[in-house]
Amino acid sequence: MDILNAHDLTALSDQRGGFRVSVFLPTHRAGRQTERNAIRLKNLLRQAEQALIDDGLSAAATDQMIEPGRRLLDRARSWERLSDGLAVFLDPSGIQHFRVPLRLPELTAVGDRFLTRPLLPLLSTGGHFYVLALSQDEIKLFRGSRYGLDEVAVDGLALAVWLTMPRRRTPVHAFVADRGGTGGRAVFHGIEDDTTPLVLQHFRRVDRALREVLQADAAPLVLAGVRSTQALYRQVNTYAALMGDGVDGNPWDLGPEQLHRHAWPLVEPVLCGEETIAAGAYKQLRGTGRTCTDTVAVGAAAREGRVETLFVRTDAPGTGKRTVIRLHEHTGEVDHLDDAAISTLRHSGTVYAVPRDRMPDTSPMAATLRY
């Protein structure tokens, strides 16, 4: 699984002009159905190729743009650590792809910009948390939701360097040796097996590298490990959203499913609580001029930095059941929802992408305004 944060989404949204392709598909993690991952991706790439040609891009330029997707297709057949969804972004300069713990729609979008709205549920504070699993030999980072845990891929990042714990030294006990009847004795002192300073130093580096991975994320972080190891990490932690309670015991004895079963009850009140509070605040302010549901007005307020909290329906109108969207043909709901959400994030607002029954209003968007 790959971590995708607000900065990544705003960076994708800022890439505009020319022809761009966004591909989304649900993926199976394991079993015989994993064969469908490659089939779905292949079909969506074919749809994107045809849409590009229909929109006037030459066959040669289309082939060049889609080629990185085809290479990804070959790799996807043998991918490990798949998650619930795959997002692929193609433009003339290359490809970006993200494996995400979200059941994405099967969808292709073609236009002069990337489509980002299917990924918005990943950013909701009420949508995810992290588990840092600590053992004597190994450290792993997981990202979780109410549905399960995925190990975070940190290859090439600073955190990868610090995922192996420092080796514990074998204690050598002091003993006394007789010097061949001379009456003298030589005393050999043992090495004290106290690695606490070394572990603390290591954990400081883990904490520093972890903050680089999580960046501006404010999702809860749960520690998993024996209590003494958790206590050492808490001494050096600087991540503000570290939970007070952790999962006790060796995390490798539990496995990801059991680890999730123990971690979710710890974070559920926090995750659901913030969304509930935001929805309650919206309802209290309704009718005071501090809320807005008109899509055009919300978009304008978001660009001005006036939106504090934005609720966006994940099943909002605009995409329907189509598998191919041409963004330049849909200057209504899709554009307004995407632009409002990205602008809100860009001005440090909070976005909740939720289903209809968790919206505080009946409209596709509901914004609480700062002023």
Protein backbone atom coordinates (compact mmCIF):
# COMPACT_ATOMS: atom_id res chain seq x y z
CA MET A 1 0.00 0.00 0.00
CA ASP A 2 1.16 3.54 -0.74
CA ILE A 3 0.50 6.54 1.45
CA LEU A 4 -1.41 9.29 -0.34
CA ASN A 5 -1.83 12.59 1.48
CA ALA A 6 -3.36 16.00 0.86
CA HIS A 7 -0.11 17.29 -0.62
CA ASP A 8 -0.11 14.47 -3.19
CA LEU A 9 -3.69 15.23 -4.24
CA THR A 10 -3.12 18.96 -4.57
CA ALA A 11 0.06 18.26 -6.57
CA LEU A 12 -1.91 16.01 -8.93
CA SER A 13 -4.61 18.65 -9.29
CA ASP A 14 -2.03 21.32 -10.13
CA GLN A 15 -0.82 19.33 -13.14
CA ARG A 16 -2.96 20.71 -15.97
CA GLY A 17 -2.86 21.20 -19.70
CA GLY A 18 -2.60 18.86 -22.67
CA PHE A 19 -3.98 15.34 -22.43
CA ARG A 20 -4.10 13.43 -19.15
CA VAL A 21 -5.55 10.08 -18.13
CA SER A 22 -6.83 8.97 -14.71
CA VAL A 23 -7.59 5.27 -14.18
CA PHE A 24 -9.23 3.76 -11.11
CA LEU A 25 -10.04 0.13 -10.39
CA PRO A 26 -10.82 -2.16 -7.48
CA THR A 27 -8.20 -4.85 -6.90
CA HIS A 28 -8.14 -8.22 -5.19
CA ARG A 29 -5.36 -8.80 -2.66
CA ALA A 30 -4.99 -12.56 -3.02
CA GLY A 31 -6.51 -15.73 -4.40
CA ARG A 32 -7.69 -16.73 -7.85
CA GLN A 33 -9.51 -13.44 -8.37
CA THR A 34 -6.21 -11.54 -8.56
CA GLU A 35 -6.18 -12.44 -12.26
CA ARG A 36 -9.03 -9.96 -12.69
CA ASN A 37 -6.75 -7.11 -11.59
CA ALA A 38 -4.75 -7.28 -14.82
CA ILE A 39 -7.88 -7.80 -16.95
CA ARG A 40 -9.57 -4.72 -15.49
CA LEU A 41 -6.48 -2.56 -15.90
CA LYS A 42 -6.00 -3.75 -19.48
CA ASN A 43 -9.62 -2.93 -20.40
CA LEU A 44 -9.47 0.52 -18.79
CA LEU A 45 -6.23 1.34 -20.61
CA ARG A 46 -7.86 0.35 -23.89
CA GLN A 47 -10.79 2.66 -23.13
CA ALA A 48 -8.39 5.49 -22.35
CA GLU A 49 -6.49 4.87 -25.58
CA GLN A 50 -9.67 5.04 -27.66
CA ALA A 51 -10.88 8.17 -25.85
CA LEU A 52 -7.57 9.95 -26.48
CA ILE A 53 -7.71 9.14 -30.20
CA ASP A 54 -11.37 10.22 -30.39
CA ASP A 55 -10.41 13.52 -28.75
CA GLY A 56 -7.81 14.27 -31.41
CA LEU A 57 -4.53 12.95 -30.03
CA SER A 58 -2.45 11.22 -32.71
CA ALA A 59 -2.07 7.46 -32.62
CA ALA A 60 1.69 7.79 -32.04
CA ALA A 61 1.30 10.23 -29.14
CA THR A 62 -1.49 8.08 -27.65
CA ASP A 63 0.66 4.97 -27.83
CA GLN A 64 3.53 6.81 -26.15
CA MET A 65 1.28 8.01 -23.31
CA ILE A 66 -0.32 4.61 -22.68
CA GLU A 67 2.92 2.62 -22.86
CA PRO A 68 3.91 3.18 -19.17
CA GLY A 69 0.48 1.81 -18.26
CA ARG A 70 1.16 -1.32 -20.30
CA ARG A 71 4.48 -1.81 -18.49
CA LEU A 72 2.64 -1.41 -15.20
CA LEU A 73 0.18 -4.04 -16.41
CA ASP A 74 3.01 -6.53 -16.86
CA ARG A 75 4.25 -5.83 -13.34
CA ALA A 76 0.74 -5.98 -11.88
CA ARG A 77 0.47 -9.68 -12.75
CA SER A 78 3.08 -10.50 -10.13
CA TRP A 79 2.60 -7.61 -7.68
CA GLU A 80 2.84 -8.24 -3.97
CA ARG A 81 1.22 -6.15 -1.25
CA LEU A 82 -1.80 -5.28 -3.32
CA SER A 83 -4.51 -3.34 -1.59
CA ASP A 84 -8.22 -2.77 -2.30
CA GLY A 85 -7.79 -0.26 -5.11
CA LEU A 86 -5.36 1.03 -7.72
CA ALA A 87 -5.16 4.58 -9.06
CA VAL A 88 -3.06 5.30 -12.17
CA PHE A 89 -2.27 8.74 -13.61
CA LEU A 90 -0.75 9.11 -17.07
CA ASP A 91 0.47 12.15 -18.96
CA PRO A 92 3.14 12.76 -21.63
CA SER A 93 5.84 12.92 -18.94
CA GLY A 94 5.16 9.50 -17.45
CA ILE A 95 3.09 7.61 -14.90
CA GLN A 96 2.16 7.80 -11.22
CA HIS A 97 0.30 5.00 -9.48
CA PHE A 98 -0.99 4.35 -5.97
CA ARG A 99 -2.18 1.15 -4.27
CA VAL A 100 -4.81 2.29 -1.79
CA PRO A 101 -6.96 0.64 0.93
CA LEU A 102 -10.16 1.80 -0.73
CA ARG A 103 -12.61 -0.02 -2.99
CA LEU A 104 -12.33 2.31 -5.98
CA PRO A 105 -14.83 2.49 -8.84
CA GLU A 106 -13.89 1.01 -12.21
CA LEU A 107 -13.38 4.27 -14.04
CA THR A 108 -11.29 6.10 -16.65
CA ALA A 109 -11.17 9.89 -16.97
CA VAL A 110 -9.60 11.76 -19.91
CA GLY A 111 -9.09 15.49 -20.11
CA ASP A 112 -6.65 18.31 -19.51
CA ARG A 113 -6.33 17.45 -15.80
CA PHE A 114 -6.47 14.50 -13.46
CA LEU A 115 -9.59 13.32 -11.64
CA THR A 116 -8.96 13.15 -7.89
CA ARG A 117 -12.37 12.82 -6.25
CA PRO A 118 -12.40 8.98 -6.01
CA LEU A 119 -9.38 9.25 -3.69
CA LEU A 120 -10.84 11.84 -1.30
CA PRO A 121 -12.10 9.26 1.26
CA LEU A 122 -8.44 8.45 1.97
CA LEU A 123 -7.88 11.92 3.36
CA SER A 124 -10.81 12.07 5.72
CA THR A 125 -9.61 12.08 9.32
CA GLY A 126 -12.51 9.78 9.99
CA GLY A 127 -11.21 7.33 7.43
CA HIS A 128 -7.82 5.98 8.46
CA PHE A 129 -5.25 5.42 11.18
CA TYR A 130 -1.76 3.97 11.50
CA VAL A 131 -0.24 1.11 13.47
CA LEU A 132 3.47 1.08 14.23
CA ALA A 133 4.37 -2.52 15.09
CA LEU A 134 7.48 -2.84 17.25
CA SER A 135 9.40 -6.02 18.04
CA GLN A 136 12.96 -6.89 19.09
CA ASP A 137 14.02 -7.42 15.50
CA GLU A 138 11.69 -5.55 13.16
CA ILE A 139 9.43 -2.51 12.82
CA LYS A 140 6.51 -2.25 10.40
CA LEU A 141 4.08 0.54 9.58
CA PHE A 142 0.48 -0.26 8.70
CA ARG A 143 -2.31 1.98 7.49
CA GLY A 144 -5.77 0.93 8.60
CA SER A 145 -9.44 1.71 8.16
CA ARG A 146 -12.55 0.18 9.62
CA TYR A 147 -12.09 -2.65 7.11
CA GLY A 148 -8.53 -3.81 7.75
CA LEU A 149 -4.79 -3.09 7.76
CA ASP A 150 -2.32 -2.72 4.90
CA GLU A 151 1.44 -2.59 5.30
CA VAL A 152 2.81 0.74 4.08
CA ALA A 153 5.44 0.49 1.37
CA VAL A 154 8.38 2.71 2.41
CA ASP A 155 10.96 1.53 -0.12
CA GLY A 156 13.26 4.40 -0.99
CA LEU A 157 12.09 6.51 1.96
CA ALA A 158 14.17 7.40 5.01
CA LEU A 159 11.98 5.27 7.26
CA ALA A 160 13.04 2.09 5.41
CA VAL A 161 16.55 2.49 6.85
CA TRP A 162 15.29 2.27 10.43
CA LEU A 163 12.87 -0.65 10.18
CA THR A 164 15.44 -3.13 11.52
CA MET A 165 16.01 -2.89 15.26
CA PRO A 166 19.59 -2.73 16.58
CA ARG A 167 20.98 -6.12 17.44
CA ARG A 168 21.00 -7.05 21.10
CA ARG A 169 24.42 -8.07 22.39
CA THR A 170 24.82 -11.48 24.00
CA PRO A 171 25.72 -11.07 27.68
CA VAL A 172 29.16 -12.32 28.73
CA HIS A 173 29.18 -13.01 32.45
CA ALA A 174 32.17 -12.28 34.63
CA PHE A 175 34.15 -15.27 35.75
CA VAL A 176 37.36 -15.98 37.73
CA ALA A 177 40.23 -18.02 36.32
CA ASP A 178 43.01 -19.64 38.34
CA ARG A 179 46.49 -18.82 37.05
CA GLY A 180 48.08 -22.23 37.24
CA GLY A 181 48.65 -22.48 40.99
CA THR A 182 50.51 -19.18 41.35
CA GLY A 183 47.94 -17.98 43.78
CA GLY A 184 46.96 -15.11 41.49
CA ARG A 185 43.56 -14.84 39.89
CA ALA A 186 42.53 -13.02 36.73
CA VAL A 187 39.05 -11.49 36.73
CA PHE A 188 37.24 -11.06 33.37
CA HIS A 189 34.35 -8.62 33.62
CA GLY A 190 31.22 -9.23 31.60
CA ILE A 191 29.57 -6.84 29.12
CA GLU A 192 26.45 -5.30 30.53
CA ASP A 193 23.44 -6.21 28.36
CA ASP A 194 21.73 -2.84 28.56
CA THR A 195 20.66 -1.70 25.12
CA THR A 196 18.13 0.88 26.29
CA PRO A 197 20.21 3.92 25.18
CA LEU A 198 20.80 2.29 21.80
CA VAL A 199 17.10 1.50 21.35
CA LEU A 200 16.10 5.02 22.37
CA GLN A 201 18.53 6.47 19.84
CA HIS A 202 17.12 4.16 17.18
CA PHE A 203 13.53 5.11 18.05
CA ARG A 204 14.39 8.81 17.76
CA ARG A 205 15.46 8.16 14.18
CA VAL A 206 12.31 6.13 13.52
CA ASP A 207 10.18 8.98 14.88
CA ARG A 208 11.96 11.56 12.72
CA ALA A 209 11.66 9.41 9.58
CA LEU A 210 8.02 8.55 10.36
CA ARG A 211 7.06 12.23 10.48
CA GLU A 212 8.55 12.65 7.01
CA VAL A 213 6.34 9.82 5.75
CA LEU A 214 3.15 11.04 7.43
CA GLN A 215 3.91 14.73 6.77
CA ALA A 216 0.84 16.82 7.64
CA ASP A 217 -1.33 13.79 8.40
CA ALA A 218 -3.18 13.99 11.70
CA ALA A 219 -4.55 10.43 11.76
CA PRO A 220 -4.24 8.46 15.00
CA LEU A 221 -1.14 6.31 15.49
CA VAL A 222 -1.36 3.12 17.56
CA LEU A 223 1.71 1.35 18.92
CA ALA A 224 1.76 -2.44 18.93
CA GLY A 225 4.36 -4.36 20.91
CA VAL A 226 5.29 -5.49 24.39
CA ARG A 227 4.65 -2.80 26.96
CA SER A 228 8.31 -2.14 27.74
CA THR A 229 9.08 -1.51 24.06
CA GLN A 230 6.04 0.75 23.68
CA ALA A 231 7.16 2.70 26.76
CA LEU A 232 10.59 3.33 25.25
CA TYR A 233 9.09 4.60 22.00
CA ARG A 234 6.71 6.92 23.86
CA GLN A 235 9.72 8.60 25.50
CA VAL A 236 10.94 9.92 22.13
CA ASN A 237 7.70 10.25 20.14
CA THR A 238 6.91 13.66 18.62
CA TYR A 239 3.85 12.67 16.55
CA ALA A 240 0.94 14.58 18.08
CA ALA A 241 -1.75 12.00 17.33
CA LEU A 242 -0.11 9.04 19.11
CA MET A 243 -2.82 7.14 21.01
CA GLY A 244 -2.42 6.73 24.75
CA ASP A 245 -3.35 3.05 24.60
CA GLY A 246 -1.61 0.50 22.41
CA VAL A 247 -1.90 -3.15 21.42
CA ASP A 248 0.07 -5.20 23.94
CA GLY A 249 2.06 -8.27 22.96
CA ASN A 250 4.25 -9.39 20.09
CA PRO A 251 2.50 -8.07 16.93
CA TRP A 252 3.88 -10.93 14.83
CA ASP A 253 2.03 -13.41 17.05
CA LEU A 254 -1.23 -11.65 16.16
CA GLY A 255 -1.04 -11.19 12.40
CA PRO A 256 -2.64 -8.26 10.48
CA GLU A 257 -6.26 -9.38 10.96
CA GLN A 258 -5.99 -9.83 14.72
CA LEU A 259 -3.86 -6.69 14.99
CA HIS A 260 -6.66 -4.75 13.29
CA ARG A 261 -9.24 -6.35 15.57
CA HIS A 262 -7.36 -5.02 18.60
CA ALA A 263 -6.46 -1.60 17.16
CA TRP A 264 -9.79 -0.54 15.67
CA PRO A 265 -11.67 -0.21 19.01
CA LEU A 266 -8.90 2.12 20.21
CA VAL A 267 -9.23 4.56 17.30
CA GLU A 268 -12.92 4.28 16.41
CA PRO A 269 -14.10 6.87 18.99
CA VAL A 270 -11.51 9.36 17.70
CA LEU A 271 -12.14 8.79 14.01
CA CYS A 272 -15.91 8.80 14.17
CA GLY A 273 -15.99 11.48 16.85
CA GLU A 274 -14.32 14.17 14.75
CA GLU A 275 -16.66 13.61 11.83
CA THR A 276 -19.69 13.61 14.15
CA ILE A 277 -18.56 16.86 15.77
CA ALA A 278 -18.04 18.49 12.37
CA ALA A 279 -21.50 17.40 11.19
CA GLY A 280 -23.06 18.68 14.41
CA ALA A 281 -21.31 22.04 14.03
CA TYR A 282 -22.65 22.33 10.49
CA LYS A 283 -26.23 21.67 11.63
CA GLN A 284 -25.95 24.22 14.44
CA LEU A 285 -24.69 26.89 12.05
CA ARG A 286 -27.24 26.18 9.31
CA GLY A 287 -29.27 29.30 8.62
CA THR A 288 -26.66 31.69 10.08
CA GLY A 289 -24.79 32.37 6.83
CA ARG A 290 -21.90 30.19 7.95
CA THR A 291 -22.92 27.19 5.84
CA CYS A 292 -23.31 26.69 2.11
CA THR A 293 -24.52 23.92 -0.21
CA ASP A 294 -24.54 25.61 -3.61
CA THR A 295 -21.79 23.96 -5.63
CA VAL A 296 -20.61 27.13 -7.39
CA ALA A 297 -20.67 29.21 -4.20
CA VAL A 298 -18.85 26.52 -2.22
CA GLY A 299 -16.16 26.34 -4.89
CA ALA A 300 -15.66 30.12 -4.79
CA ALA A 301 -15.50 30.13 -0.98
CA ALA A 302 -13.00 27.27 -1.00
CA ARG A 303 -10.71 29.10 -3.43
CA GLU A 304 -10.83 32.13 -1.11
CA GLY A 305 -9.84 29.97 1.88
CA ARG A 306 -13.18 30.45 3.62
CA VAL A 307 -14.17 26.76 3.90
CA GLU A 308 -13.28 25.24 7.25
CA THR A 309 -14.98 21.87 6.77
CA LEU A 310 -16.32 20.35 3.58
CA PHE A 311 -18.55 17.28 3.30
CA VAL A 312 -18.58 15.68 -0.14
CA ARG A 313 -20.84 12.81 -1.16
CA THR A 314 -18.91 9.84 -2.49
CA ASP A 315 -21.93 8.88 -4.62
CA ALA A 316 -22.58 12.42 -5.82
CA PRO A 317 -23.98 12.99 -9.32
CA GLY A 318 -21.58 13.53 -12.17
CA THR A 319 -19.96 10.18 -12.80
CA GLY A 320 -23.01 7.94 -12.78
CA LYS A 321 -22.27 4.42 -13.94
CA ARG A 322 -20.04 5.47 -16.80
CA THR A 323 -16.63 3.87 -17.07
CA VAL A 324 -15.19 6.70 -19.19
CA ILE A 325 -15.47 10.38 -18.26
CA ARG A 326 -14.30 13.25 -20.42
CA LEU A 327 -13.59 16.01 -17.96
CA HIS A 328 -13.87 18.78 -20.52
CA GLU A 329 -17.46 17.67 -21.17
CA HIS A 330 -18.42 17.75 -17.49
CA THR A 331 -17.99 21.26 -16.19
CA GLY A 332 -20.75 20.70 -13.62
CA GLU A 333 -20.70 18.46 -10.57
CA VAL A 334 -17.40 16.67 -11.19
CA ASP A 335 -15.39 19.88 -11.66
CA HIS A 336 -17.05 21.71 -8.78
CA LEU A 337 -16.63 18.83 -6.35
CA ASP A 338 -12.99 18.26 -7.27
CA ASP A 339 -12.06 21.93 -7.25
CA ALA A 340 -13.85 22.66 -3.97
CA ALA A 341 -12.22 19.71 -2.22
CA ILE A 342 -8.70 20.49 -3.46
CA SER A 343 -9.05 24.20 -2.66
CA THR A 344 -10.26 23.34 0.84
CA LEU A 345 -7.24 21.11 1.40
CA ARG A 346 -4.91 23.73 -0.03
CA HIS A 347 -6.12 26.23 2.60
CA SER A 348 -5.76 23.75 5.49
CA GLY A 349 -9.45 22.88 5.66
CA THR A 350 -10.83 19.43 6.42
CA VAL A 351 -12.60 17.30 3.82
CA TYR A 352 -14.95 14.42 4.67
CA ALA A 353 -15.85 12.26 1.67
CA VAL A 354 -18.79 10.24 2.94
CA PRO A 355 -21.82 8.30 1.67
CA ARG A 356 -25.24 9.97 1.51
CA ASP A 357 -26.42 8.76 4.94
CA ARG A 358 -23.49 10.50 6.67
CA MET A 359 -23.95 13.86 4.93
CA PRO A 360 -25.19 16.66 7.24
CA ASP A 361 -27.35 17.98 4.38
CA THR A 362 -29.09 16.64 1.27
CA SER A 363 -26.82 18.34 -1.28
CA PRO A 364 -23.72 16.80 -2.91
CA MET A 365 -21.59 19.30 -0.96
CA ALA A 366 -22.04 20.89 2.45
CA ALA A 367 -19.53 23.45 3.68
CA THR A 368 -18.97 25.11 7.03
CA LEU A 369 -17.45 28.54 6.45
CA ARG A 370 -14.80 30.25 8.54
CA TYR A 371 -16.49 33.62 7.98
